[in-house]
């Protein structure tokens, strides 16, 4: 029996995720109404699928639980940094060092090689065992670019409880999806109704 596709419970990517891979990454743990929780990196298979869908690993990379745990750990550190940026608080040193550690895992420079027939050429080392390091470095670099770039001003947390996703604000919209927007509006209307005195 195969597991049901989790993606069907997951809302569509949050605004900004199409330009910032890191936004999609931090949003891969999703709190849903009714105490449900969807983790798109919950199993090695799911994490492998997520990386493959985002062009960060071949579909048959064969991720192990240890690799998956490293991905989830980086995600938590990035969520902490996003939260700090949104709330205007200092970053947790552990989160910063985790991101910097991930950044330095993959060599960014294409190294010089020498082919005995065709001579010198440059190529970035990328053997199979470095797939995870490469993915972690790419995600960390993307997050660092987002946090230091012009879009950082628009980074915000979804304003609809229990949603825990981040998005780039567009105008006054503070929701990551229509579903969350509808839920927030319904909650507000319900709260207003509760406050009006009833005449009987």
Foldseek 3Di string as FASTA:
>chain_A
DDDDPLVVVDFPFFAPCVVFVLQVLLQQWKQDPPRDIGHCLPAQLSVLVVCVVVVLAPNPLPGHPVLSVLSVVLSVLLLQVLVCLQVVHDHDPVSVVSLVVLLPLFDPFFDWDADPPPGIDTGGDDDSVCSSSSSSNVSSVSSVCCCPDPQSVQWDAAPAPPTGHIYRDDPPHRHRHVVRVVRVVVVVVVVVVVPDDDDD
